[in-house]
């Protein structure tokens, strides 16, 4: 998982870049508390999608069930988000 930093909401989770099940939308998602941002700007208040489905706020696709996945380098490049990568976690 490529990440942009750590969650300002729970202060424990890693902020990964997630592709929703529609394979169209890219969001920032905390891997601990499920706080979500639609852009890499995490100084704004996060959204908290309904549990347990975690619907994508952009298209209502699912953020947890396949084919949803953590974005790979190619997907981040296509969307212009490479500059936001701070590291890679397992």
PDB file of N, CA and C in Angstrom:
ATOM      1  N   UNK A   1       0.845  -1.173   0.000  1.00  0.00           N
ATOM      2  CA  UNK A   1       0.000   0.000   0.000  1.00  0.00           C
ATOM      3  C   UNK A   1       0.891   1.237   0.000  1.00  0.00           C
ATOM      4  N   UNK A   2       0.642   2.134  -0.941  1.00  0.00           N
ATOM      5  CA  UNK A   2       1.326   3.428  -0.943  1.00  0.00           C
ATOM      6  C   UNK A   2       0.537   4.367  -0.043  1.00  0.00           C
ATOM      7  N   UNK A   3       1.244   5.149   0.753  1.00  0.00           N
ATOM      8  CA  UNK A   3       0.553   6.035   1.683  1.00  0.00           C
ATOM      9  C   UNK A   3       1.079   7.462   1.583  1.00  0.00           C
ATOM     10  N   UNK A   4       0.242   8.385   2.089  1.00  0.00           N
ATOM     11  CA  UNK A   4       0.599   9.805   2.043  1.00  0.00           C
ATOM     12  C   UNK A   4       0.972  10.350   3.415  1.00  0.00           C
ATOM     13  N   UNK A   5       0.840   9.538   4.447  1.00  0.00           N
ATOM     14  CA  UNK A   5       1.153   9.979   5.797  1.00  0.00           C
ATOM     15  C   UNK A   5       0.329   9.207   6.804  1.00  0.00           C
ATOM     16  N   UNK A   6       0.138   9.831   7.963  1.00  0.00           N
ATOM     17  CA  UNK A   6      -0.594   9.187   9.038  1.00  0.00           C
ATOM     18  C   UNK A   6      -1.852   9.975   9.354  1.00  0.00           C
ATOM     19  N   UNK A   7      -2.838   9.285   9.861  1.00  0.00           N
ATOM     20  CA  UNK A   7      -4.172   9.851  10.046  1.00  0.00           C
ATOM     21  C   UNK A   7      -4.203  10.931  11.123  1.00  0.00           C
ATOM     22  N   UNK A   8      -4.650  12.143  10.770  1.00  0.00           N
ATOM     23  CA  UNK A   8      -4.782  13.193  11.771  1.00  0.00           C
ATOM     24  C   UNK A   8      -6.012  12.987  12.660  1.00  0.00           C
ATOM     25  N   UNK A   9      -6.908  12.102  12.258  1.00  0.00           N
ATOM     26  CA  UNK A   9      -8.124  11.858  13.026  1.00  0.00           C
ATOM     27  C   UNK A   9      -7.877  10.892  14.186  1.00  0.00           C
ATOM     28  N   UNK A  10      -7.330   9.712  13.899  1.00  0.00           N
ATOM     29  CA  UNK A  10      -7.094   8.722  14.962  1.00  0.00           C
ATOM     30  C   UNK A  10      -5.647   8.724  15.453  1.00  0.00           C
ATOM     31  N   UNK A  11      -4.758   9.359  14.705  1.00  0.00           N
ATOM     32  CA  UNK A  11      -3.336   9.458  15.027  1.00  0.00           C
ATOM     33  C   UNK A  11      -2.640   8.100  15.126  1.00  0.00           C
ATOM     34  N   UNK A  12      -3.222   7.069  14.514  1.00  0.00           N
ATOM     35  CA  UNK A  12      -2.619   5.739  14.542  1.00  0.00           C
ATOM     36  C   UNK A  12      -2.526   5.104  13.168  1.00  0.00           C
ATOM     37  N   UNK A  13      -3.504   5.358  12.320  1.00  0.00           N
ATOM     38  CA  UNK A  13      -3.573   4.685  11.030  1.00  0.00           C
ATOM     39  C   UNK A  13      -2.709   5.318   9.955  1.00  0.00           C
ATOM     40  N   UNK A  14      -2.463   4.520   8.940  1.00  0.00           N
ATOM     41  CA  UNK A  14      -1.744   4.965   7.754  1.00  0.00           C
ATOM     42  C   UNK A  14      -2.766   5.388   6.712  1.00  0.00           C
ATOM     43  N   UNK A  15      -2.497   6.489   6.019  1.00  0.00           N
ATOM     44  CA  UNK A  15      -3.413   6.996   5.000  1.00  0.00           C
ATOM     45  C   UNK A  15      -3.033   6.439   3.640  1.00  0.00           C
ATOM     46  N   UNK A  16      -3.734   5.397   3.237  1.00  0.00           N
ATOM     47  CA  UNK A  16      -3.476   4.751   1.962  1.00  0.00           C
ATOM     48  C   UNK A  16      -4.327   5.326   0.851  1.00  0.00           C
ATOM     49  N   UNK A  17      -3.871   5.109  -0.374  1.00  0.00           N
ATOM     50  CA  UNK A  17      -4.595   5.570  -1.558  1.00  0.00           C
ATOM     51  C   UNK A  17      -5.382   4.392  -2.113  1.00  0.00           C
ATOM     52  N   UNK A  18      -6.709   4.515  -2.078  1.00  0.00           N
ATOM     53  CA  UNK A  18      -7.602   3.388  -2.357  1.00  0.00           C
ATOM     54  C   UNK A  18      -8.439   3.640  -3.605  1.00  0.00           C
ATOM     55  N   UNK A  19      -8.532   2.616  -4.457  1.00  0.00           N
ATOM     56  CA  UNK A  19      -9.393   2.637  -5.638  1.00  0.00           C
ATOM     57  C   UNK A  19     -10.686   1.924  -5.260  1.00  0.00           C
ATOM     58  N   UNK A  20     -11.840   2.558  -5.524  1.00  0.00           N
ATOM     59  CA  UNK A  20     -13.115   1.938  -5.158  1.00  0.00           C
ATOM     60  C   UNK A  20     -13.497   0.844  -6.155  1.00  0.00           C
ATOM     61  N   UNK A  21     -14.578   0.145  -5.854  1.00  0.00           N
ATOM     62  CA  UNK A  21     -14.980  -1.008  -6.667  1.00  0.00           C
ATOM     63  C   UNK A  21     -15.416  -0.641  -8.081  1.00  0.00           C
ATOM     64  N   UNK A  22     -15.709   0.629  -8.348  1.00  0.00           N
ATOM     65  CA  UNK A  22     -16.032   1.046  -9.718  1.00  0.00           C
ATOM     66  C   UNK A  22     -14.765   1.165 -10.561  1.00  0.00           C
ATOM     67  N   UNK A  23     -13.604   1.119  -9.888  1.00  0.00           N
ATOM     68  CA  UNK A  23     -12.277   1.266 -10.503  1.00  0.00           C
ATOM     69  C   UNK A  23     -12.075   2.642 -11.127  1.00  0.00           C
ATOM     70  N   UNK A  24     -12.900   3.606 -10.735  1.00  0.00           N
ATOM     71  CA  UNK A  24     -12.798   4.954 -11.283  1.00  0.00           C
ATOM     72  C   UNK A  24     -12.298   5.967 -10.268  1.00  0.00           C
ATOM     73  N   UNK A  25     -12.704   5.817  -9.026  1.00  0.00           N
ATOM     74  CA  UNK A  25     -12.421   6.845  -8.032  1.00  0.00           C
ATOM     75  C   UNK A  25     -11.268   6.455  -7.117  1.00  0.00           C
ATOM     76  N   UNK A  26     -10.446   7.440  -6.803  1.00  0.00           N
ATOM     77  CA  UNK A  26      -9.307   7.282  -5.908  1.00  0.00           C
ATOM     78  C   UNK A  26      -9.550   8.159  -4.692  1.00  0.00           C
ATOM     79  N   UNK A  27      -9.437   7.576  -3.503  1.00  0.00           N
ATOM     80  CA  UNK A  27      -9.643   8.312  -2.263  1.00  0.00           C
ATOM     81  C   UNK A  27      -8.478   8.023  -1.325  1.00  0.00           C
ATOM     82  N   UNK A  28      -8.378   8.830  -0.285  1.00  0.00           N
ATOM     83  CA  UNK A  28      -7.433   8.588   0.796  1.00  0.00           C
ATOM     84  C   UNK A  28      -8.227   7.936   1.919  1.00  0.00           C
ATOM     85  N   UNK A  29      -7.756   6.786   2.397  1.00  0.00           N
ATOM     86  CA  UNK A  29      -8.488   6.030   3.412  1.00  0.00           C
ATOM     87  C   UNK A  29      -7.539   5.609   4.529  1.00  0.00           C
ATOM     88  N   UNK A  30      -7.932   5.903   5.777  1.00  0.00           N
ATOM     89  CA  UNK A  30      -7.156   5.460   6.935  1.00  0.00           C
ATOM     90  C   UNK A  30      -7.372   3.964   7.123  1.00  0.00           C
ATOM     91  N   UNK A  31      -6.288   3.224   7.274  1.00  0.00           N
ATOM     92  CA  UNK A  31      -6.410   1.773   7.431  1.00  0.00           C
ATOM     93  C   UNK A  31      -6.781   1.352   8.852  1.00  0.00           C
ATOM     94  N   UNK A  32      -6.988   2.309   9.751  1.00  0.00           N
ATOM     95  CA  UNK A  32      -7.416   2.002  11.121  1.00  0.00           C
ATOM     96  C   UNK A  32      -8.845   2.461  11.399  1.00  0.00           C
ATOM     97  N   UNK A  33      -9.127   3.740  11.184  1.00  0.00           N
ATOM     98  CA  UNK A  33     -10.433   4.290  11.573  1.00  0.00           C
ATOM     99  C   UNK A  33     -11.369   4.536  10.396  1.00  0.00           C
ATOM    100  N   UNK A  34     -10.915   4.274   9.179  1.00  0.00           N
ATOM    101  CA  UNK A  34     -11.710   4.448   7.956  1.00  0.00           C
ATOM    102  C   UNK A  34     -12.085   5.899   7.667  1.00  0.00           C
ATOM    103  N   UNK A  35     -11.345   6.853   8.242  1.00  0.00           N
ATOM    104  CA  UNK A  35     -11.525   8.248   7.844  1.00  0.00           C
ATOM    105  C   UNK A  35     -11.170   8.338   6.366  1.00  0.00           C
ATOM    106  N   UNK A  36     -11.872   9.195   5.643  1.00  0.00           N
ATOM    107  CA  UNK A  36     -11.713   9.245   4.191  1.00  0.00           C
ATOM    108  C   UNK A  36     -11.637  10.684   3.711  1.00  0.00           C
ATOM    109  N   UNK A  37     -10.778  10.918   2.729  1.00  0.00           N
ATOM    110  CA  UNK A  37     -10.657  12.206   2.069  1.00  0.00           C
ATOM    111  C   UNK A  37     -10.750  11.981   0.569  1.00  0.00           C
ATOM    112  N   UNK A  38     -11.359  12.924  -0.138  1.00  0.00           N
ATOM    113  CA  UNK A  38     -11.496  12.819  -1.593  1.00  0.00           C
ATOM    114  C   UNK A  38     -10.287  13.371  -2.328  1.00  0.00           C
ATOM    115  N   UNK A  39      -9.440  14.092  -1.617  1.00  0.00           N
ATOM    116  CA  UNK A  39      -8.222  14.658  -2.191  1.00  0.00           C
ATOM    117  C   UNK A  39      -7.076  14.405  -1.206  1.00  0.00           C
ATOM    118  N   UNK A  40      -5.839  14.599  -1.629  1.00  0.00           N
ATOM    119  CA  UNK A  40      -4.711  14.416  -0.706  1.00  0.00           C
ATOM    120  C   UNK A  40      -4.625  15.487   0.387  1.00  0.00           C
ATOM    121  N   UNK A  41      -5.508  16.465   0.366  1.00  0.00           N
ATOM    122  CA  UNK A  41      -5.510  17.538   1.364  1.00  0.00           C
ATOM    123  C   UNK A  41      -6.185  17.040   2.642  1.00  0.00           C
ATOM    124  N   UNK A  42      -5.387  16.577   3.599  1.00  0.00           N
ATOM    125  CA  UNK A  42      -5.949  15.978   4.810  1.00  0.00           C
ATOM    126  C   UNK A  42      -6.061  16.951   5.979  1.00  0.00           C
ATOM    127  N   UNK A  43      -5.854  18.236   5.733  1.00  0.00           N
ATOM    128  CA  UNK A  43      -6.039  19.209   6.808  1.00  0.00           C
ATOM    129  C   UNK A  43      -7.517  19.569   6.966  1.00  0.00           C
ATOM    130  N   UNK A  44      -8.340  19.177   5.995  1.00  0.00           N
ATOM    131  CA  UNK A  44      -9.786  19.391   6.096  1.00  0.00           C
ATOM    132  C   UNK A  44     -10.402  18.215   6.851  1.00  0.00           C
ATOM    133  N   UNK A  45     -11.614  18.390   7.338  1.00  0.00           N
ATOM    134  CA  UNK A  45     -12.289  17.320   8.080  1.00  0.00           C
ATOM    135  C   UNK A  45     -12.547  16.115   7.180  1.00  0.00           C
ATOM    136  N   UNK A  46     -12.314  14.917   7.702  1.00  0.00           N
ATOM    137  CA  UNK A  46     -12.552  13.716   6.897  1.00  0.00           C
ATOM    138  C   UNK A  46     -14.026  13.343   6.856  1.00  0.00           C
ATOM    139  N   UNK A  47     -14.352  12.477   5.917  1.00  0.00           N
ATOM    140  CA  UNK A  47     -15.658  11.834   5.866  1.00  0.00           C
ATOM    141  C   UNK A  47     -15.514  10.485   6.561  1.00  0.00           C
ATOM    142  N   UNK A  48     -16.613   9.966   7.079  1.00  0.00           N
ATOM    143  CA  UNK A  48     -16.617   8.629   7.670  1.00  0.00           C
ATOM    144  C   UNK A  48     -17.730   7.828   7.011  1.00  0.00           C
ATOM    145  N   UNK A  49     -17.380   7.018   5.999  1.00  0.00           N
ATOM    146  CA  UNK A  49     -18.391   6.241   5.290  1.00  0.00           C
ATOM    147  C   UNK A  49     -19.099   5.258   6.220  1.00  0.00           C
ATOM    148  N   UNK A  50     -20.343   4.955   5.866  1.00  0.00           N
ATOM    149  CA  UNK A  50     -21.154   4.039   6.661  1.00  0.00           C
ATOM    150  C   UNK A  50     -20.494   2.661   6.757  1.00  0.00           C
ATOM    151  N   UNK A  51     -20.456   2.126   7.968  1.00  0.00           N
ATOM    152  CA  UNK A  51     -19.912   0.789   8.220  1.00  0.00           C
ATOM    153  C   UNK A  51     -21.006  -0.245   7.983  1.00  0.00           C
ATOM    154  N   UNK A  52     -20.754  -1.442   7.599  1.00  0.00           N
ATOM    155  CA  UNK A  52     -19.455  -1.993   7.237  1.00  0.00           C
ATOM    156  C   UNK A  52     -19.152  -1.882   5.748  1.00  0.00           C
ATOM    157  N   UNK A  53     -20.094  -1.338   4.963  1.00  0.00           N
ATOM    158  CA  UNK A  53     -19.934  -1.330   3.506  1.00  0.00           C
ATOM    159  C   UNK A  53     -18.864  -0.381   3.002  1.00  0.00           C
ATOM    160  N   UNK A  54     -18.663   0.728   3.695  1.00  0.00           N
ATOM    161  CA  UNK A  54     -17.746   1.782   3.261  1.00  0.00           C
ATOM    162  C   UNK A  54     -18.015   2.192   1.815  1.00  0.00           C
ATOM    163  N   UNK A  55     -19.186   2.790   1.548  1.00  0.00           N
ATOM    164  CA  UNK A  55     -19.466   3.231   0.177  1.00  0.00           C
ATOM    165  C   UNK A  55     -18.581   4.409  -0.215  1.00  0.00           C
ATOM    166  N   UNK A  56     -18.164   4.416  -1.462  1.00  0.00           N
ATOM    167  CA  UNK A  56     -17.378   5.525  -1.999  1.00  0.00           C
ATOM    168  C   UNK A  56     -18.281   6.752  -2.086  1.00  0.00           C
ATOM    169  N   UNK A  57     -17.894   7.889  -1.518  1.00  0.00           N
ATOM    170  CA  UNK A  57     -18.740   9.078  -1.577  1.00  0.00           C
ATOM    171  C   UNK A  57     -18.872   9.658  -2.981  1.00  0.00           C
ATOM    172  N   UNK A  58     -17.975   9.299  -3.879  1.00  0.00           N
ATOM    173  CA  UNK A  58     -18.034   9.837  -5.241  1.00  0.00           C
ATOM    174  C   UNK A  58     -19.005   9.062  -6.128  1.00  0.00           C
ATOM    175  N   UNK A  59     -19.077   7.726  -5.945  1.00  0.00           N
ATOM    176  CA  UNK A  59     -19.898   6.930  -6.870  1.00  0.00           C
ATOM    177  C   UNK A  59     -20.760   5.880  -6.178  1.00  0.00           C
ATOM    178  N   UNK A  60     -20.670   5.761  -4.853  1.00  0.00           N
ATOM    179  CA  UNK A  60     -21.390   4.757  -4.067  1.00  0.00           C
ATOM    180  C   UNK A  60     -20.850   3.341  -4.257  1.00  0.00           C
ATOM    181  N   UNK A  61     -19.737   3.187  -4.991  1.00  0.00           N
ATOM    182  CA  UNK A  61     -19.088   1.882  -5.084  1.00  0.00           C
ATOM    183  C   UNK A  61     -18.537   1.492  -3.725  1.00  0.00           C
ATOM    184  N   UNK A  62     -18.193   0.242  -3.556  1.00  0.00           N
ATOM    185  CA  UNK A  62     -17.684  -0.267  -2.293  1.00  0.00           C
ATOM    186  C   UNK A  62     -16.175  -0.027  -2.205  1.00  0.00           C
ATOM    187  N   UNK A  63     -15.699   0.329  -1.013  1.00  0.00           N
ATOM    188  CA  UNK A  63     -14.264   0.560  -0.817  1.00  0.00           C
ATOM    189  C   UNK A  63     -13.540  -0.638  -0.216  1.00  0.00           C
ATOM    190  N   UNK A  64     -14.291  -1.685   0.156  1.00  0.00           N
ATOM    191  CA  UNK A  64     -13.646  -2.834   0.789  1.00  0.00           C
ATOM    192  C   UNK A  64     -13.700  -4.105  -0.046  1.00  0.00           C
ATOM    193  N   UNK A  65     -14.781  -4.312  -0.778  1.00  0.00           N
ATOM    194  CA  UNK A  65     -14.945  -5.561  -1.537  1.00  0.00           C
ATOM    195  C   UNK A  65     -14.271  -5.465  -2.902  1.00  0.00           C
ATOM    196  N   UNK A  66     -13.670  -6.553  -3.356  1.00  0.00           N
ATOM    197  CA  UNK A  66     -13.071  -6.562  -4.694  1.00  0.00           C
ATOM    198  C   UNK A  66     -14.109  -6.180  -5.746  1.00  0.00           C
ATOM    199  N   UNK A  67     -13.692  -5.454  -6.739  1.00  0.00           N
ATOM    200  CA  UNK A  67     -12.321  -5.189  -7.148  1.00  0.00           C
ATOM    201  C   UNK A  67     -11.674  -3.956  -6.501  1.00  0.00           C
ATOM    202  N   UNK A  68     -12.260  -3.403  -5.414  1.00  0.00           N
ATOM    203  CA  UNK A  68     -11.605  -2.295  -4.709  1.00  0.00           C
ATOM    204  C   UNK A  68     -10.232  -2.764  -4.227  1.00  0.00           C
ATOM    205  N   UNK A  69      -9.253  -1.846  -4.235  1.00  0.00           N
ATOM    206  CA  UNK A  69      -7.888  -2.225  -3.863  1.00  0.00           C
ATOM    207  C   UNK A  69      -7.056  -0.985  -3.577  1.00  0.00           C
ATOM    208  N   UNK A  70      -5.905  -1.214  -2.943  1.00  0.00           N
ATOM    209  CA  UNK A  70      -4.946  -0.129  -2.754  1.00  0.00           C
ATOM    210  C   UNK A  70      -4.335   0.181  -4.117  1.00  0.00           C
ATOM    211  N   UNK A  71      -4.228   1.450  -4.434  1.00  0.00           N
ATOM    212  CA  UNK A  71      -3.744   1.874  -5.752  1.00  0.00           C
ATOM    213  C   UNK A  71      -2.294   1.450  -5.979  1.00  0.00           C
ATOM    214  N   UNK A  72      -2.007   1.069  -7.220  1.00  0.00           N
ATOM    215  CA  UNK A  72      -0.623   0.749  -7.577  1.00  0.00           C
ATOM    216  C   UNK A  72       0.029   1.977  -8.220  1.00  0.00           C
ATOM    217  N   UNK A  73       1.318   1.889  -8.491  1.00  0.00           N
ATOM    218  CA  UNK A  73       2.051   3.041  -9.039  1.00  0.00           C
ATOM    219  C   UNK A  73       1.468   3.528 -10.358  1.00  0.00           C
ATOM    220  N   UNK A  74       1.063   2.613 -11.225  1.00  0.00           N
ATOM    221  CA  UNK A  74       0.488   3.005 -12.507  1.00  0.00           C
ATOM    222  C   UNK A  74      -0.780   3.813 -12.339  1.00  0.00           C
ATOM    223  N   UNK A  75      -1.642   3.386 -11.421  1.00  0.00           N
ATOM    224  CA  UNK A  75      -2.894   4.111 -11.173  1.00  0.00           C
ATOM    225  C   UNK A  75      -2.626   5.482 -10.565  1.00  0.00           C
ATOM    226  N   UNK A  76      -1.638   5.562  -9.688  1.00  0.00           N
ATOM    227  CA  UNK A  76      -1.295   6.855  -9.092  1.00  0.00           C
ATOM    228  C   UNK A  76      -0.684   7.783 -10.132  1.00  0.00           C
ATOM    229  N   UNK A  77       0.118   7.241 -11.028  1.00  0.00           N
ATOM    230  CA  UNK A  77       0.693   8.030 -12.115  1.00  0.00           C
ATOM    231  C   UNK A  77      -0.408   8.566 -13.024  1.00  0.00           C
ATOM    232  N   UNK A  78      -1.343   7.702 -13.424  1.00  0.00           N
ATOM    233  CA  UNK A  78      -2.440   8.103 -14.313  1.00  0.00           C
ATOM    234  C   UNK A  78      -3.260   9.246 -13.730  1.00  0.00           C
ATOM    235  N   UNK A  79      -3.394   9.276 -12.417  1.00  0.00           N
ATOM    236  CA  UNK A  79      -4.226  10.285 -11.762  1.00  0.00           C
ATOM    237  C   UNK A  79      -3.428  11.493 -11.276  1.00  0.00           C
ATOM    238  N   UNK A  80      -2.113  11.482 -11.501  1.00  0.00           N
ATOM    239  CA  UNK A  80      -1.282  12.615 -11.104  1.00  0.00           C
ATOM    240  C   UNK A  80      -1.018  12.698  -9.608  1.00  0.00           C
ATOM    241  N   UNK A  81      -1.033  11.559  -8.920  1.00  0.00           N
ATOM    242  CA  UNK A  81      -0.866  11.552  -7.469  1.00  0.00           C
ATOM    243  C   UNK A  81       0.496  11.034  -7.013  1.00  0.00           C
ATOM    244  N   UNK A  82       1.431  10.786  -7.909  1.00  0.00           N
ATOM    245  CA  UNK A  82       2.740  10.251  -7.509  1.00  0.00           C
ATOM    246  C   UNK A  82       3.462  11.151  -6.513  1.00  0.00           C
ATOM    247  N   UNK A  83       3.325  12.446  -6.660  1.00  0.00           N
ATOM    248  CA  UNK A  83       4.041  13.393  -5.801  1.00  0.00           C
ATOM    249  C   UNK A  83       3.598  13.313  -4.340  1.00  0.00           C
ATOM    250  N   UNK A  84       2.439  12.723  -4.077  1.00  0.00           N
ATOM    251  CA  UNK A  84       1.921  12.651  -2.709  1.00  0.00           C
ATOM    252  C   UNK A  84       2.426  11.435  -1.938  1.00  0.00           C
ATOM    253  N   UNK A  85       3.057  10.488  -2.609  1.00  0.00           N
ATOM    254  CA  UNK A  85       3.519   9.267  -1.951  1.00  0.00           C
ATOM    255  C   UNK A  85       4.623   9.599  -0.945  1.00  0.00           C
ATOM    256  N   UNK A  86       4.422   9.142   0.295  1.00  0.00           N
ATOM    257  CA  UNK A  86       5.431   9.318   1.348  1.00  0.00           C
ATOM    258  C   UNK A  86       6.145   8.012   1.662  1.00  0.00           C
ATOM    259  N   UNK A  87       5.541   6.884   1.262  1.00  0.00           N
ATOM    260  CA  UNK A  87       6.156   5.592   1.531  1.00  0.00           C
ATOM    261  C   UNK A  87       5.257   4.456   1.097  1.00  0.00           C
ATOM    262  N   UNK A  88       5.723   3.237   1.387  1.00  0.00           N
ATOM    263  CA  UNK A  88       4.966   2.036   1.052  1.00  0.00           C
ATOM    264  C   UNK A  88       4.927   1.129   2.275  1.00  0.00           C
ATOM    265  N   UNK A  89       3.740   0.639   2.602  1.00  0.00           N
ATOM    266  CA  UNK A  89       3.555  -0.274   3.731  1.00  0.00           C
ATOM    267  C   UNK A  89       3.074  -1.619   3.214  1.00  0.00           C
ATOM    268  N   UNK A  90       3.249  -2.646   4.031  1.00  0.00           N
ATOM    269  CA  UNK A  90       2.793  -3.988   3.642  1.00  0.00           C
ATOM    270  C   UNK A  90       1.293  -4.108   3.691  1.00  0.00           C
TER     271      UNK A  90
END
